[in-house]
N, C-alpha and C. Protein backbone atom coordinates (compact mmCIF):
# COMPACT_ATOMS: atom_id res chain seq x y z
N MET A 1 149.78 158.87 6.06
CA MET A 1 149.72 160.25 6.44
C MET A 1 148.43 160.91 5.99
N GLU A 2 147.78 161.60 6.87
CA GLU A 2 146.58 162.34 6.54
C GLU A 2 146.92 163.81 6.39
N GLU A 3 146.31 164.43 5.42
CA GLU A 3 146.56 165.84 5.23
C GLU A 3 145.40 166.62 5.87
N SER A 4 145.70 167.42 6.88
CA SER A 4 144.64 168.11 7.61
C SER A 4 144.31 169.46 7.01
N LYS A 5 145.17 170.00 6.20
CA LYS A 5 144.92 171.31 5.59
C LYS A 5 144.46 171.11 4.15
N SER A 6 143.42 171.85 3.78
CA SER A 6 142.98 171.75 2.40
C SER A 6 143.66 172.84 1.60
N LYS A 7 143.94 172.54 0.37
CA LYS A 7 144.60 173.51 -0.49
C LYS A 7 143.55 174.09 -1.43
N THR A 8 143.60 175.39 -1.59
CA THR A 8 142.68 176.06 -2.50
C THR A 8 143.40 176.26 -3.82
N SER A 9 142.78 175.78 -4.83
CA SER A 9 143.35 175.86 -6.16
C SER A 9 143.31 177.30 -6.67
N PRO A 10 144.35 177.77 -7.33
CA PRO A 10 144.32 179.12 -7.91
C PRO A 10 143.20 179.27 -8.93
N LEU A 11 142.86 178.20 -9.64
CA LEU A 11 141.76 178.26 -10.59
C LEU A 11 140.43 178.48 -9.89
N MET A 12 140.28 177.91 -8.69
CA MET A 12 139.05 178.09 -7.94
C MET A 12 138.92 179.55 -7.49
N ILE A 13 140.00 180.15 -7.07
CA ILE A 13 139.99 181.56 -6.65
C ILE A 13 139.65 182.46 -7.83
N ILE A 14 140.26 182.19 -8.98
CA ILE A 14 139.97 182.97 -10.18
C ILE A 14 138.50 182.82 -10.56
N GLY A 15 137.97 181.61 -10.47
CA GLY A 15 136.57 181.36 -10.78
C GLY A 15 135.64 182.15 -9.87
N ILE A 16 135.94 182.18 -8.60
CA ILE A 16 135.12 182.92 -7.63
C ILE A 16 135.16 184.42 -7.95
N VAL A 17 136.36 184.93 -8.25
CA VAL A 17 136.50 186.36 -8.57
C VAL A 17 135.70 186.70 -9.83
N VAL A 18 135.77 185.82 -10.84
CA VAL A 18 135.03 186.06 -12.07
C VAL A 18 133.53 186.05 -11.82
N VAL A 19 133.04 185.09 -11.05
CA VAL A 19 131.61 185.01 -10.74
C VAL A 19 131.16 186.25 -9.99
N LEU A 20 131.94 186.69 -9.01
CA LEU A 20 131.58 187.90 -8.26
C LEU A 20 131.59 189.12 -9.18
N GLY A 21 132.57 189.21 -10.05
CA GLY A 21 132.65 190.33 -10.99
C GLY A 21 131.44 190.38 -11.90
N VAL A 22 131.04 189.23 -12.42
CA VAL A 22 129.87 189.17 -13.29
C VAL A 22 128.61 189.54 -12.52
N ALA A 23 128.50 189.10 -11.28
CA ALA A 23 127.33 189.42 -10.46
C ALA A 23 127.25 190.92 -10.20
N VAL A 24 128.37 191.53 -9.84
CA VAL A 24 128.39 192.98 -9.58
C VAL A 24 128.05 193.74 -10.86
N ALA A 25 128.64 193.33 -11.98
CA ALA A 25 128.35 193.99 -13.26
C ALA A 25 126.87 193.85 -13.61
N GLY A 26 126.29 192.69 -13.36
CA GLY A 26 124.87 192.48 -13.63
C GLY A 26 123.99 193.38 -12.80
N VAL A 27 124.32 193.53 -11.52
CA VAL A 27 123.54 194.39 -10.63
C VAL A 27 123.67 195.85 -11.09
N LEU A 28 124.88 196.28 -11.41
CA LEU A 28 125.07 197.66 -11.87
C LEU A 28 124.32 197.91 -13.17
N PHE A 29 124.38 196.96 -14.08
CA PHE A 29 123.68 197.10 -15.35
C PHE A 29 122.16 197.14 -15.14
N ALA A 30 121.67 196.29 -14.27
CA ALA A 30 120.23 196.22 -14.01
C ALA A 30 119.73 197.51 -13.34
N THR A 31 120.47 198.05 -12.39
CA THR A 31 120.04 199.27 -11.70
C THR A 31 120.23 200.49 -12.56
N ARG A 32 121.16 200.44 -13.51
CA ARG A 32 121.36 201.57 -14.41
C ARG A 32 120.08 201.84 -15.19
N GLY A 33 119.38 200.83 -15.59
CA GLY A 33 118.11 200.98 -16.30
C GLY A 33 116.99 201.46 -15.41
N ASN A 34 117.16 201.34 -14.08
CA ASN A 34 116.10 201.75 -13.15
C ASN A 34 116.29 203.15 -12.61
N ASN A 35 117.41 203.81 -12.97
CA ASN A 35 117.59 205.17 -12.50
C ASN A 35 116.49 206.02 -13.09
N PRO A 36 115.87 206.87 -12.29
CA PRO A 36 114.78 207.66 -12.84
C PRO A 36 115.31 208.61 -13.90
N SER A 37 114.57 208.71 -14.99
CA SER A 37 114.93 209.68 -16.01
C SER A 37 114.56 211.04 -15.44
N PRO A 38 115.06 212.08 -16.05
CA PRO A 38 114.71 213.39 -15.52
C PRO A 38 113.20 213.51 -15.40
N GLU A 39 112.73 214.04 -14.30
CA GLU A 39 111.30 214.16 -14.11
C GLU A 39 110.97 215.39 -13.31
N VAL A 40 109.75 215.75 -13.36
CA VAL A 40 109.26 216.89 -12.63
C VAL A 40 108.50 216.40 -11.42
N SER A 41 108.77 217.02 -10.31
CA SER A 41 108.01 216.69 -9.11
C SER A 41 106.76 217.53 -9.11
N THR A 42 105.60 216.88 -9.00
CA THR A 42 104.37 217.65 -8.93
C THR A 42 103.95 217.87 -7.49
N SER A 43 104.67 217.24 -6.56
CA SER A 43 104.40 217.51 -5.15
C SER A 43 105.19 218.74 -4.74
N MET A 44 104.95 219.23 -3.56
CA MET A 44 105.63 220.41 -3.08
C MET A 44 106.79 219.99 -2.18
N PRO A 45 108.04 219.90 -2.71
CA PRO A 45 109.17 219.50 -1.89
C PRO A 45 109.57 220.62 -0.93
N ALA A 46 110.40 220.27 0.04
CA ALA A 46 110.89 221.26 0.98
C ALA A 46 111.71 222.29 0.22
N VAL A 47 111.81 223.49 0.75
CA VAL A 47 112.52 224.57 0.07
C VAL A 47 113.97 224.19 -0.21
N THR A 48 114.61 223.44 0.67
CA THR A 48 116.00 223.09 0.47
C THR A 48 116.18 221.97 -0.53
N GLU A 49 115.12 221.31 -0.89
CA GLU A 49 115.19 220.19 -1.84
C GLU A 49 115.12 220.74 -3.26
N THR A 50 115.81 220.08 -4.19
CA THR A 50 115.73 220.51 -5.57
C THR A 50 114.81 219.57 -6.33
N THR A 51 114.26 220.09 -7.38
CA THR A 51 113.37 219.30 -8.21
C THR A 51 114.19 218.57 -9.27
N PRO A 52 113.98 217.27 -9.43
CA PRO A 52 114.72 216.56 -10.47
C PRO A 52 114.40 217.08 -11.86
N ALA A 53 115.16 216.65 -12.80
CA ALA A 53 114.97 217.09 -14.18
C ALA A 53 113.57 216.72 -14.68
N VAL A 54 113.15 217.46 -15.65
CA VAL A 54 111.82 217.27 -16.21
C VAL A 54 111.75 215.98 -17.00
N GLU A 55 110.70 215.22 -16.79
CA GLU A 55 110.52 213.97 -17.53
C GLU A 55 109.91 214.29 -18.88
N SER A 56 110.48 213.70 -19.90
CA SER A 56 109.94 213.90 -21.23
C SER A 56 110.09 212.61 -22.00
N ALA A 57 108.97 212.00 -22.37
CA ALA A 57 109.01 210.73 -23.08
C ALA A 57 108.51 210.93 -24.49
N ALA A 58 109.22 210.36 -25.44
CA ALA A 58 108.79 210.44 -26.82
C ALA A 58 108.71 209.03 -27.37
N THR A 59 107.53 208.63 -27.80
CA THR A 59 107.37 207.29 -28.36
C THR A 59 107.67 207.30 -29.85
N ASP A 60 107.54 208.44 -30.46
CA ASP A 60 107.83 208.59 -31.88
C ASP A 60 108.78 209.77 -32.01
N SER A 61 109.85 209.62 -32.75
CA SER A 61 110.86 210.67 -32.82
C SER A 61 110.30 211.96 -33.39
N SER A 62 109.20 211.93 -34.09
CA SER A 62 108.63 213.14 -34.65
C SER A 62 107.68 213.84 -33.67
N PHE A 63 107.42 213.22 -32.52
CA PHE A 63 106.51 213.80 -31.55
C PHE A 63 107.17 213.84 -30.19
N LEU A 64 107.24 215.00 -29.59
CA LEU A 64 107.78 215.14 -28.25
C LEU A 64 106.64 215.44 -27.29
N GLU A 65 106.52 214.62 -26.27
CA GLU A 65 105.49 214.84 -25.25
C GLU A 65 105.91 216.03 -24.40
N THR A 66 104.97 216.87 -24.07
CA THR A 66 105.26 218.03 -23.24
C THR A 66 105.36 217.62 -21.78
N ALA A 67 106.50 217.93 -21.20
CA ALA A 67 106.68 217.70 -19.76
C ALA A 67 106.05 218.90 -19.04
N SER A 68 105.57 218.67 -17.84
CA SER A 68 104.99 219.79 -17.11
C SER A 68 105.41 219.75 -15.65
N VAL A 69 105.42 220.92 -15.06
CA VAL A 69 105.72 221.06 -13.64
C VAL A 69 104.74 222.07 -13.06
N THR A 70 104.22 221.74 -11.89
CA THR A 70 103.32 222.64 -11.18
C THR A 70 104.15 223.42 -10.16
N VAL A 71 104.01 224.73 -10.21
CA VAL A 71 104.76 225.62 -9.32
C VAL A 71 103.76 226.40 -8.49
N GLU A 72 103.95 226.39 -7.18
CA GLU A 72 103.10 227.19 -6.29
C GLU A 72 103.77 228.53 -6.04
N GLY A 73 103.01 229.60 -6.22
CA GLY A 73 103.50 230.93 -5.90
C GLY A 73 102.78 231.44 -4.67
N GLY A 74 103.54 231.72 -3.63
CA GLY A 74 102.96 232.22 -2.39
C GLY A 74 103.63 233.52 -1.99
N ASN A 75 103.40 233.96 -0.77
CA ASN A 75 104.00 235.21 -0.32
C ASN A 75 105.51 235.13 -0.33
N PHE A 76 106.07 235.57 -1.45
CA PHE A 76 107.50 235.75 -1.67
C PHE A 76 108.28 234.44 -1.78
N TYR A 77 107.64 233.41 -2.36
CA TYR A 77 108.33 232.16 -2.63
C TYR A 77 107.72 231.46 -3.83
N PHE A 78 108.52 230.63 -4.46
CA PHE A 78 108.04 229.65 -5.43
C PHE A 78 108.39 228.28 -4.87
N GLN A 79 107.49 227.33 -5.06
CA GLN A 79 107.74 225.96 -4.60
C GLN A 79 107.37 225.03 -5.74
N PRO A 80 108.29 224.32 -6.36
CA PRO A 80 109.72 224.29 -6.08
C PRO A 80 110.39 225.57 -6.60
N ASN A 81 111.57 225.83 -6.06
CA ASN A 81 112.32 227.00 -6.51
C ASN A 81 113.46 226.61 -7.45
N GLU A 82 113.52 225.34 -7.82
CA GLU A 82 114.46 224.88 -8.85
C GLU A 82 113.74 223.91 -9.77
N ILE A 83 113.88 224.15 -11.07
CA ILE A 83 113.27 223.29 -12.08
C ILE A 83 114.36 222.86 -13.04
N ARG A 84 114.40 221.58 -13.37
CA ARG A 84 115.35 221.07 -14.36
C ARG A 84 114.56 220.69 -15.61
N ALA A 85 115.08 221.11 -16.76
CA ALA A 85 114.41 220.85 -18.02
C ALA A 85 115.39 220.21 -19.00
N VAL A 86 114.82 219.51 -19.98
CA VAL A 86 115.62 218.86 -21.02
C VAL A 86 115.70 219.80 -22.21
N LEU A 87 116.91 220.03 -22.69
CA LEU A 87 117.17 220.90 -23.82
C LEU A 87 116.32 220.51 -25.03
N ASN A 88 115.68 221.48 -25.64
CA ASN A 88 114.89 221.32 -26.87
C ASN A 88 113.65 220.44 -26.72
N GLU A 89 113.18 220.22 -25.51
CA GLU A 89 111.95 219.45 -25.31
C GLU A 89 110.91 220.35 -24.64
N PRO A 90 109.68 220.32 -25.13
CA PRO A 90 108.63 221.21 -24.62
C PRO A 90 108.45 221.09 -23.10
N LEU A 91 108.22 222.24 -22.48
CA LEU A 91 108.01 222.31 -21.03
C LEU A 91 106.80 223.19 -20.76
N LYS A 92 105.90 222.68 -19.93
CA LYS A 92 104.73 223.45 -19.51
C LYS A 92 104.87 223.77 -18.03
N ILE A 93 104.74 225.05 -17.69
CA ILE A 93 104.73 225.49 -16.30
C ILE A 93 103.28 225.77 -15.94
N ILE A 94 102.82 225.15 -14.86
CA ILE A 94 101.47 225.38 -14.35
C ILE A 94 101.63 226.11 -13.02
N LEU A 95 101.28 227.36 -13.01
CA LEU A 95 101.42 228.19 -11.82
C LEU A 95 100.11 228.22 -11.05
N THR A 96 100.18 227.93 -9.75
CA THR A 96 99.02 228.07 -8.88
C THR A 96 99.35 229.15 -7.85
N SER A 97 98.38 230.00 -7.57
CA SER A 97 98.61 231.11 -6.64
C SER A 97 98.07 230.80 -5.25
N LYS A 98 98.87 231.12 -4.27
CA LYS A 98 98.47 231.00 -2.87
C LYS A 98 98.92 232.29 -2.20
N ASP A 99 98.06 232.91 -1.47
CA ASP A 99 98.43 234.13 -0.74
C ASP A 99 98.80 235.29 -1.65
N GLY A 100 97.87 235.79 -2.42
CA GLY A 100 98.13 237.02 -3.17
C GLY A 100 98.08 236.86 -4.68
N ILE A 101 98.56 237.89 -5.35
CA ILE A 101 98.59 237.93 -6.81
C ILE A 101 100.02 237.66 -7.26
N HIS A 102 100.17 236.74 -8.25
CA HIS A 102 101.51 236.35 -8.71
C HIS A 102 101.50 236.04 -10.20
N ASP A 103 102.70 236.03 -10.77
CA ASP A 103 102.90 235.54 -12.13
C ASP A 103 104.24 234.79 -12.16
N PHE A 104 104.59 234.28 -13.33
CA PHE A 104 105.81 233.48 -13.50
C PHE A 104 106.50 233.99 -14.77
N VAL A 105 107.77 234.43 -14.64
CA VAL A 105 108.48 235.05 -15.76
C VAL A 105 109.87 234.45 -15.91
N ILE A 106 110.25 234.16 -17.17
CA ILE A 106 111.64 233.82 -17.50
C ILE A 106 111.98 234.69 -18.71
N ASP A 107 112.77 235.73 -18.50
CA ASP A 107 113.06 236.69 -19.56
C ASP A 107 113.73 236.05 -20.77
N GLU A 108 114.72 235.20 -20.55
CA GLU A 108 115.53 234.64 -21.64
C GLU A 108 114.72 233.81 -22.64
N PHE A 109 113.58 233.28 -22.22
CA PHE A 109 112.75 232.47 -23.11
C PHE A 109 111.43 233.17 -23.45
N ASN A 110 111.34 234.46 -23.09
CA ASN A 110 110.13 235.23 -23.35
C ASN A 110 108.89 234.54 -22.78
N VAL A 111 109.04 234.04 -21.54
CA VAL A 111 107.97 233.30 -20.86
C VAL A 111 107.34 234.20 -19.81
N LYS A 112 106.01 234.30 -19.85
CA LYS A 112 105.30 235.08 -18.83
C LYS A 112 103.86 234.61 -18.77
N THR A 113 103.42 234.26 -17.55
CA THR A 113 102.00 233.91 -17.37
C THR A 113 101.22 235.19 -17.10
N THR A 114 99.92 235.07 -17.12
CA THR A 114 99.08 236.17 -16.67
C THR A 114 99.20 236.25 -15.15
N GLN A 115 98.84 237.38 -14.59
CA GLN A 115 98.82 237.51 -13.14
C GLN A 115 97.57 236.83 -12.62
N ILE A 116 97.74 236.03 -11.57
CA ILE A 116 96.62 235.29 -11.01
C ILE A 116 96.53 235.55 -9.51
N LYS A 117 95.34 235.35 -8.96
CA LYS A 117 95.14 235.55 -7.51
C LYS A 117 94.87 234.20 -6.83
N ASP A 118 94.70 234.24 -5.51
CA ASP A 118 94.49 233.04 -4.70
C ASP A 118 93.60 232.01 -5.38
N GLY A 119 94.09 230.78 -5.44
CA GLY A 119 93.31 229.67 -5.95
C GLY A 119 93.25 229.56 -7.46
N GLU A 120 93.77 230.54 -8.19
CA GLU A 120 93.74 230.50 -9.65
C GLU A 120 94.99 229.79 -10.19
N THR A 121 94.90 229.41 -11.47
CA THR A 121 95.99 228.71 -12.14
C THR A 121 96.24 229.37 -13.49
N ALA A 122 97.51 229.45 -13.87
CA ALA A 122 97.89 229.95 -15.20
C ALA A 122 98.93 228.99 -15.75
N GLU A 123 98.95 228.84 -17.07
CA GLU A 123 99.89 227.93 -17.72
C GLU A 123 100.65 228.66 -18.81
N VAL A 124 101.89 228.23 -19.00
CA VAL A 124 102.70 228.72 -20.11
C VAL A 124 103.54 227.56 -20.61
N GLU A 125 103.65 227.44 -21.92
CA GLU A 125 104.42 226.35 -22.52
C GLU A 125 105.48 226.93 -23.44
N PHE A 126 106.69 226.36 -23.39
CA PHE A 126 107.78 226.84 -24.23
C PHE A 126 108.79 225.71 -24.43
N ILE A 127 109.74 225.95 -25.31
CA ILE A 127 110.81 224.98 -25.56
C ILE A 127 112.12 225.62 -25.12
N PRO A 128 112.74 225.12 -24.06
CA PRO A 128 114.03 225.65 -23.63
C PRO A 128 115.11 225.22 -24.63
N ASP A 129 115.50 226.15 -25.50
CA ASP A 129 116.39 225.80 -26.61
C ASP A 129 117.84 226.20 -26.40
N ARG A 130 118.18 226.63 -25.19
CA ARG A 130 119.56 226.97 -24.86
C ARG A 130 119.92 226.36 -23.51
N PRO A 131 121.02 225.61 -23.44
CA PRO A 131 121.41 225.06 -22.14
C PRO A 131 121.90 226.18 -21.23
N GLY A 132 121.75 225.96 -19.96
CA GLY A 132 122.25 226.95 -19.00
C GLY A 132 121.35 227.05 -17.79
N THR A 133 121.63 228.06 -16.98
CA THR A 133 120.89 228.32 -15.76
C THR A 133 120.22 229.68 -15.90
N TYR A 134 118.92 229.73 -15.64
CA TYR A 134 118.14 230.94 -15.84
C TYR A 134 117.28 231.22 -14.61
N GLU A 135 117.10 232.49 -14.30
CA GLU A 135 116.26 232.87 -13.16
C GLU A 135 114.81 232.99 -13.61
N PHE A 136 113.90 232.44 -12.81
CA PHE A 136 112.48 232.75 -12.98
C PHE A 136 112.05 233.55 -11.77
N TYR A 137 111.02 234.38 -11.96
CA TYR A 137 110.63 235.27 -10.87
C TYR A 137 109.19 235.72 -11.03
N CYS A 138 108.68 236.36 -9.98
CA CYS A 138 107.36 236.98 -10.01
C CYS A 138 107.59 238.47 -10.25
N SER A 139 106.88 239.02 -11.26
CA SER A 139 107.09 240.43 -11.61
C SER A 139 106.11 241.38 -10.91
N VAL A 140 105.28 240.85 -10.03
CA VAL A 140 104.31 241.69 -9.33
C VAL A 140 105.02 242.51 -8.26
N GLY A 141 104.82 243.83 -8.28
CA GLY A 141 105.37 244.71 -7.25
C GLY A 141 106.84 244.43 -6.96
N GLN A 142 107.15 244.28 -5.69
CA GLN A 142 108.52 244.02 -5.24
C GLN A 142 108.75 242.53 -4.91
N HIS A 143 107.89 241.65 -5.41
CA HIS A 143 107.99 240.22 -5.08
C HIS A 143 109.36 239.64 -5.41
N ARG A 144 109.91 239.98 -6.58
CA ARG A 144 111.23 239.45 -6.97
C ARG A 144 112.30 239.89 -5.97
N VAL A 145 112.30 241.16 -5.64
CA VAL A 145 113.29 241.70 -4.70
C VAL A 145 113.14 241.04 -3.33
N MET A 146 111.92 240.67 -2.98
CA MET A 146 111.66 240.07 -1.68
C MET A 146 111.91 238.56 -1.68
N GLY A 147 112.46 238.04 -2.77
CA GLY A 147 112.88 236.63 -2.79
C GLY A 147 112.02 235.70 -3.60
N MET A 148 111.03 236.22 -4.31
CA MET A 148 110.15 235.34 -5.08
C MET A 148 110.77 235.07 -6.44
N LYS A 149 111.74 234.16 -6.41
CA LYS A 149 112.48 233.79 -7.61
C LYS A 149 113.00 232.37 -7.46
N GLY A 150 113.45 231.82 -8.57
CA GLY A 150 113.99 230.47 -8.56
C GLY A 150 114.90 230.28 -9.75
N THR A 151 115.30 229.03 -9.97
CA THR A 151 116.27 228.71 -11.02
C THR A 151 115.73 227.63 -11.95
N LEU A 152 115.86 227.89 -13.25
CA LEU A 152 115.57 226.89 -14.27
C LEU A 152 116.93 226.43 -14.80
N ILE A 153 117.16 225.12 -14.76
CA ILE A 153 118.40 224.54 -15.27
C ILE A 153 118.04 223.72 -16.50
N VAL A 154 118.61 224.10 -17.64
CA VAL A 154 118.34 223.41 -18.91
C VAL A 154 119.58 222.60 -19.27
N GLU A 155 119.40 221.28 -19.39
CA GLU A 155 120.52 220.40 -19.68
C GLU A 155 120.26 219.60 -20.93
């Protein structure tokens, strides 16, 4: 008698499941290390896009590298209009002006740049020491009322 059907051993099935499980776990573990850490986009994303968290790398625990983000201020907009920052890590905002006179203000952190005109740049550096969501805005004339504002998220 010849047996035409092959039998699959339960141990073989368990072995295959274990190998697949280990492979999936390895891929997940490997990609977990490749997820981008919070970072600042220095390009100008679309208005509907949000800016990822601010990147801040420290090689020595006693020294924190200052993360920075460049923000464009134009006629009644900031680009990006959302900034994510890391709690208790230095953040530098670099404001560039396009189309008029603008500044950058966050009341809760006592942050304010000088007013700048077309093509000029102003910088302000601070440490966001409280988690939460905060509004930033332009204090020139009615710019804030006309929509020149955004959100800082500190995590």
